[in-house]
Amino acid sequence: MSTYDWQKSSFSGQGANCLHVAAPDSDTIKLCESDDPGVVVTTTPANLKAFILGVKAGEFDHFVED
């Protein structure tokens, strides 16, 4: 993983299924998965906010239903 100050959710536990988030500056958000840390997705705070609001509203629940 690169030298960004990565943060992960406390819900991830110690396993390999972790999504890491970093904000190297005020206009950039970086995301990567612990099982493939070389692949980094870059987005903006506004796009991440819209995604988080969609998650909270249940718009993506069908992706994780058992």
Protein backbone atom coordinates (compact mmCIF):
# COMPACT_ATOMS: atom_id res chain seq x y z
CA MET A 1 0.00 0.00 0.00
CA SER A 2 1.23 3.52 -0.69
CA THR A 3 2.31 5.94 2.01
CA TYR A 4 -1.06 7.64 2.44
CA ASP A 5 -2.57 7.82 5.91
CA TRP A 6 -5.03 4.97 5.29
CA GLN A 7 -8.05 4.48 7.54
CA LYS A 8 -10.36 1.47 7.71
CA SER A 9 -13.69 0.81 9.33
CA SER A 10 -13.77 -0.81 12.74
CA PHE A 11 -16.36 -3.18 11.21
CA SER A 12 -13.63 -4.69 9.01
CA GLY A 13 -11.95 -6.54 11.85
CA GLN A 14 -8.53 -8.06 11.28
CA GLY A 15 -9.38 -10.04 8.13
CA ALA A 16 -8.40 -9.40 4.54
CA ASN A 17 -11.79 -7.96 3.55
CA CYS A 18 -11.02 -4.34 4.37
CA LEU A 19 -11.67 -1.18 2.40
CA HIS A 20 -9.12 1.53 3.19
CA VAL A 21 -9.76 5.26 2.71
CA ALA A 22 -7.26 8.13 2.58
CA ALA A 23 -7.57 11.86 1.96
CA PRO A 24 -4.16 13.09 0.77
CA ASP A 25 -5.59 16.59 0.22
CA SER A 26 -8.92 18.40 0.53
CA ASP A 27 -9.96 17.61 -3.07
CA THR A 28 -9.03 13.92 -3.27
CA ILE A 29 -10.22 10.66 -1.72
CA LYS A 30 -8.31 7.42 -2.31
CA LEU A 31 -9.86 3.95 -1.81
CA CYS A 32 -8.25 0.52 -1.92
CA GLU A 33 -8.96 -3.03 -0.77
CA SER A 34 -6.59 -4.86 1.56
CA ASP A 35 -6.53 -7.95 -0.67
CA ASP A 36 -5.31 -5.90 -3.69
CA PRO A 37 -3.63 -2.76 -2.30
CA GLY A 38 -1.95 -1.91 -5.59
CA VAL A 39 -5.29 -0.92 -7.12
CA VAL A 40 -6.30 2.52 -5.88
CA VAL A 41 -9.50 4.31 -6.87
CA THR A 42 -9.46 8.11 -6.77
CA THR A 43 -12.61 10.18 -6.27
CA THR A 44 -13.73 13.48 -4.79
CA PRO A 45 -15.22 14.22 -1.39
CA ALA A 46 -18.53 15.13 -3.09
CA ASN A 47 -18.72 11.78 -4.91
CA LEU A 48 -17.85 9.86 -1.74
CA LYS A 49 -20.52 11.80 0.17
CA ALA A 50 -23.14 10.94 -2.46
CA PHE A 51 -22.14 7.27 -2.27
CA ILE A 52 -22.27 7.20 1.54
CA LEU A 53 -25.70 8.86 1.53
CA GLY A 54 -26.88 6.19 -0.94
CA VAL A 55 -25.53 3.44 1.31
CA LYS A 56 -27.27 4.94 4.34
CA ALA A 57 -30.52 5.17 2.34
CA GLY A 58 -30.32 1.47 1.48
CA GLU A 59 -29.79 1.99 -2.27
CA PHE A 60 -27.08 -0.70 -2.39
CA ASP A 61 -28.52 -3.25 0.02
CA HIS A 62 -29.27 -5.68 -2.82
CA PHE A 63 -25.51 -6.14 -3.33
CA VAL A 64 -25.03 -7.62 0.15
CA GLU A 65 -28.30 -9.42 0.89
CA ASP A 66 -27.90 -13.01 2.03
